[in-house]
N, C-alpha and C. Protein backbone atom coordinates (compact mmCIF):
# COMPACT_ATOMS: atom_id res chain seq x y z
N MET A 1 0.81 -1.19 0.00
CA MET A 1 0.00 0.00 0.00
C MET A 1 0.86 1.27 0.00
N ILE A 2 1.91 1.22 0.79
CA ILE A 2 2.81 2.37 0.85
C ILE A 2 3.48 2.59 -0.51
N ALA A 3 3.85 1.49 -1.17
CA ALA A 3 4.49 1.59 -2.48
C ALA A 3 3.51 2.19 -3.50
N ASN A 4 2.27 1.79 -3.45
CA ASN A 4 1.26 2.34 -4.37
C ASN A 4 1.08 3.83 -4.15
N THR A 5 1.06 4.25 -2.91
CA THR A 5 0.92 5.68 -2.58
C THR A 5 2.12 6.47 -3.12
N GLN A 6 3.31 5.92 -2.98
CA GLN A 6 4.51 6.60 -3.48
C GLN A 6 4.47 6.72 -5.00
N ARG A 7 4.06 5.64 -5.67
CA ARG A 7 3.97 5.68 -7.13
C ARG A 7 2.93 6.72 -7.57
N TYR A 8 1.82 6.74 -6.86
CA TYR A 8 0.76 7.72 -7.16
C TYR A 8 1.29 9.14 -7.03
N GLU A 9 2.01 9.41 -5.94
CA GLU A 9 2.57 10.76 -5.72
C GLU A 9 3.60 11.10 -6.79
N GLN A 10 4.42 10.11 -7.18
CA GLN A 10 5.41 10.36 -8.24
C GLN A 10 4.72 10.74 -9.54
N LYS A 11 3.64 10.03 -9.85
CA LYS A 11 2.92 10.34 -11.08
C LYS A 11 2.26 11.71 -11.01
N VAL A 12 1.74 12.07 -9.85
CA VAL A 12 1.13 13.40 -9.69
C VAL A 12 2.18 14.48 -9.90
N PHE A 13 3.36 14.30 -9.32
CA PHE A 13 4.44 15.28 -9.50
C PHE A 13 4.88 15.34 -10.96
N GLU A 14 4.96 14.18 -11.61
CA GLU A 14 5.36 14.14 -13.02
C GLU A 14 4.33 14.86 -13.89
N ILE A 15 3.05 14.65 -13.61
CA ILE A 15 2.00 15.32 -14.37
C ILE A 15 2.06 16.83 -14.16
N ALA A 16 2.28 17.27 -12.94
CA ALA A 16 2.39 18.71 -12.67
C ALA A 16 3.59 19.31 -13.40
N LYS A 17 4.70 18.58 -13.40
CA LYS A 17 5.91 19.05 -14.10
C LYS A 17 5.64 19.16 -15.60
N LEU A 18 4.99 18.15 -16.18
CA LEU A 18 4.69 18.18 -17.62
C LEU A 18 3.69 19.28 -17.96
N ASN A 19 2.73 19.52 -17.10
CA ASN A 19 1.78 20.61 -17.33
C ASN A 19 2.48 21.96 -17.35
N ASN A 20 3.42 22.16 -16.44
CA ASN A 20 4.19 23.41 -16.43
C ASN A 20 5.02 23.56 -17.70
N GLU A 21 5.60 22.44 -18.14
CA GLU A 21 6.40 22.48 -19.37
C GLU A 21 5.53 22.82 -20.58
N VAL A 22 4.32 22.26 -20.62
CA VAL A 22 3.39 22.55 -21.71
C VAL A 22 3.03 24.04 -21.71
N LYS A 23 2.77 24.59 -20.54
CA LYS A 23 2.43 26.02 -20.45
C LYS A 23 3.59 26.88 -20.93
N GLU A 24 4.81 26.53 -20.54
CA GLU A 24 5.98 27.30 -20.98
C GLU A 24 6.16 27.22 -22.49
N LEU A 25 6.01 26.02 -23.05
CA LEU A 25 6.17 25.85 -24.49
C LEU A 25 5.07 26.58 -25.25
N ARG A 26 3.86 26.57 -24.73
CA ARG A 26 2.76 27.28 -25.40
C ARG A 26 3.02 28.78 -25.39
N SER A 27 3.49 29.31 -24.26
CA SER A 27 3.76 30.76 -24.21
C SER A 27 4.92 31.12 -25.14
N GLU A 28 5.92 30.25 -25.23
CA GLU A 28 7.03 30.50 -26.15
C GLU A 28 6.54 30.48 -27.61
N PHE A 29 5.63 29.56 -27.91
CA PHE A 29 5.05 29.48 -29.25
C PHE A 29 4.31 30.77 -29.60
N VAL A 30 3.50 31.26 -28.66
CA VAL A 30 2.73 32.48 -28.91
C VAL A 30 3.68 33.66 -29.12
N ASP A 31 4.74 33.73 -28.32
CA ASP A 31 5.71 34.82 -28.48
C ASP A 31 6.37 34.76 -29.86
N ARG A 32 6.79 33.58 -30.27
CA ARG A 32 7.45 33.44 -31.57
C ARG A 32 6.49 33.74 -32.72
N ARG A 33 5.25 33.31 -32.57
CA ARG A 33 4.27 33.57 -33.63
C ARG A 33 4.01 35.06 -33.78
N SER A 34 3.88 35.77 -32.67
CA SER A 34 3.65 37.21 -32.76
C SER A 34 4.87 37.93 -33.33
N GLU A 35 6.05 37.44 -32.98
CA GLU A 35 7.28 38.02 -33.54
C GLU A 35 7.35 37.80 -35.04
N LEU A 36 6.97 36.61 -35.48
CA LEU A 36 6.96 36.30 -36.91
C LEU A 36 5.95 37.16 -37.65
N MET A 37 4.77 37.34 -37.06
CA MET A 37 3.75 38.18 -37.71
C MET A 37 4.24 39.61 -37.85
N LYS A 38 4.96 40.09 -36.85
CA LYS A 38 5.50 41.44 -36.94
C LYS A 38 6.55 41.53 -38.05
N LEU A 39 7.37 40.49 -38.18
CA LEU A 39 8.39 40.50 -39.23
C LEU A 39 7.78 40.41 -40.63
N LYS A 40 6.62 39.78 -40.75
CA LYS A 40 5.98 39.61 -42.04
C LYS A 40 5.16 40.82 -42.47
N MET A 41 5.00 41.79 -41.59
CA MET A 41 4.20 42.96 -41.94
C MET A 41 4.86 43.73 -43.09
N GLU A 42 4.02 44.29 -43.94
CA GLU A 42 4.53 44.99 -45.11
C GLU A 42 5.41 46.18 -44.73
N SER A 43 5.04 46.87 -43.68
CA SER A 43 5.83 48.03 -43.26
C SER A 43 7.23 47.62 -42.81
N THR A 44 7.34 46.51 -42.10
CA THR A 44 8.65 46.04 -41.65
C THR A 44 9.50 45.63 -42.85
N ILE A 45 8.88 44.93 -43.77
CA ILE A 45 9.62 44.48 -44.96
C ILE A 45 10.07 45.66 -45.81
N SER A 46 9.18 46.64 -45.99
CA SER A 46 9.56 47.80 -46.81
C SER A 46 10.68 48.60 -46.15
N ASP A 47 10.67 48.70 -44.82
CA ASP A 47 11.77 49.40 -44.12
C ASP A 47 13.09 48.67 -44.34
N LYS A 48 13.07 47.35 -44.26
CA LYS A 48 14.31 46.58 -44.47
C LYS A 48 14.79 46.72 -45.91
N MET A 49 13.85 46.79 -46.86
CA MET A 49 14.24 46.93 -48.26
C MET A 49 14.81 48.32 -48.53
N LEU A 50 14.28 49.33 -47.89
CA LEU A 50 14.81 50.68 -48.07
C LEU A 50 16.26 50.76 -47.59
N GLU A 51 16.57 50.03 -46.52
CA GLU A 51 17.95 50.00 -46.02
C GLU A 51 18.90 49.43 -47.07
N LYS A 52 18.40 48.53 -47.89
CA LYS A 52 19.22 47.89 -48.92
C LYS A 52 19.08 48.58 -50.27
N GLN A 53 18.46 49.76 -50.27
CA GLN A 53 18.26 50.54 -51.49
C GLN A 53 17.38 49.82 -52.51
N ILE A 54 16.40 49.07 -52.05
CA ILE A 54 15.42 48.43 -52.92
C ILE A 54 14.10 49.13 -52.68
N PHE A 55 13.55 49.72 -53.74
CA PHE A 55 12.35 50.54 -53.61
C PHE A 55 11.14 49.83 -54.19
N PRO A 56 9.95 50.17 -53.71
CA PRO A 56 8.73 49.55 -54.27
C PRO A 56 8.49 50.00 -55.70
N SER A 57 7.83 49.18 -56.45
CA SER A 57 7.56 49.47 -57.85
C SER A 57 6.53 50.58 -57.97
N THR A 58 6.71 51.44 -58.95
CA THR A 58 5.74 52.51 -59.20
C THR A 58 4.72 52.08 -60.25
N VAL A 59 5.02 50.99 -60.95
CA VAL A 59 4.13 50.49 -62.00
C VAL A 59 3.29 49.36 -61.40
N PRO A 60 1.97 49.46 -61.52
CA PRO A 60 1.13 48.39 -60.97
C PRO A 60 1.27 47.09 -61.78
N PRO A 61 1.01 45.97 -61.17
CA PRO A 61 1.12 44.71 -61.91
C PRO A 61 0.04 44.60 -62.98
N VAL A 62 0.35 43.83 -64.01
CA VAL A 62 -0.57 43.64 -65.12
C VAL A 62 -0.95 42.17 -65.18
N LYS A 63 -2.23 41.91 -65.34
CA LYS A 63 -2.70 40.54 -65.43
C LYS A 63 -2.54 40.05 -66.87
N ILE A 64 -1.92 38.90 -67.02
CA ILE A 64 -1.70 38.32 -68.34
C ILE A 64 -2.76 37.24 -68.56
N GLU A 65 -3.50 37.37 -69.64
CA GLU A 65 -4.53 36.40 -69.96
C GLU A 65 -4.11 35.62 -71.19
N VAL A 66 -4.21 34.32 -71.10
CA VAL A 66 -3.87 33.44 -72.22
C VAL A 66 -5.16 32.84 -72.73
N LYS A 67 -5.42 33.04 -74.02
CA LYS A 67 -6.63 32.50 -74.62
C LYS A 67 -6.28 31.21 -75.33
N LYS A 68 -6.99 30.17 -74.95
CA LYS A 68 -6.73 28.86 -75.53
C LYS A 68 -7.67 28.65 -76.72
N GLU A 69 -7.09 28.25 -77.83
CA GLU A 69 -7.90 28.00 -79.01
C GLU A 69 -8.66 26.70 -78.83
N GLU A 70 -9.84 26.65 -79.43
CA GLU A 70 -10.66 25.46 -79.32
C GLU A 70 -10.04 24.35 -80.16
N GLU A 71 -9.92 23.19 -79.56
CA GLU A 71 -9.33 22.06 -80.27
C GLU A 71 -10.39 21.39 -81.14
N LYS A 72 -9.97 20.98 -82.31
CA LYS A 72 -10.88 20.27 -83.21
C LYS A 72 -10.63 18.78 -83.04
N SER A 73 -11.54 18.15 -82.39
CA SER A 73 -11.36 16.73 -82.16
C SER A 73 -12.04 15.91 -83.26
N PHE A 74 -11.72 14.68 -83.30
CA PHE A 74 -12.26 13.77 -84.28
C PHE A 74 -13.78 13.65 -84.16
N PHE A 75 -14.28 13.58 -82.92
CA PHE A 75 -15.70 13.42 -82.69
C PHE A 75 -16.51 14.66 -83.06
N LYS A 76 -15.94 15.82 -82.87
CA LYS A 76 -16.64 17.04 -83.25
C LYS A 76 -16.82 17.10 -84.77
N ARG A 77 -15.82 16.66 -85.51
CA ARG A 77 -15.93 16.70 -86.97
C ARG A 77 -16.99 15.72 -87.47
N ILE A 78 -17.12 14.59 -86.83
CA ILE A 78 -18.10 13.60 -87.25
C ILE A 78 -19.53 14.11 -87.02
N TRP A 79 -19.80 14.72 -85.87
CA TRP A 79 -21.15 15.12 -85.49
C TRP A 79 -21.56 16.44 -86.11
N GLN A 80 -20.67 17.14 -86.72
CA GLN A 80 -21.04 18.44 -87.29
C GLN A 80 -21.40 18.35 -88.74
């Protein structure tokens, strides 16, 4: 009985230790994620690019459209 009680207490302490570790890792994850989001912001990136003498484009992007010609298949020729 005494051995069972000791094992139970060891497991309780181990669970408490693991819960604390999970909380620490979760808070570290949140910190890193917020830091990454700040680094990905357009203003941060543009500031870093200005330091390297890279400026934003003054010409807006243009959408390129490719028109595909209709294929003449064997079956279309037969039915027409």
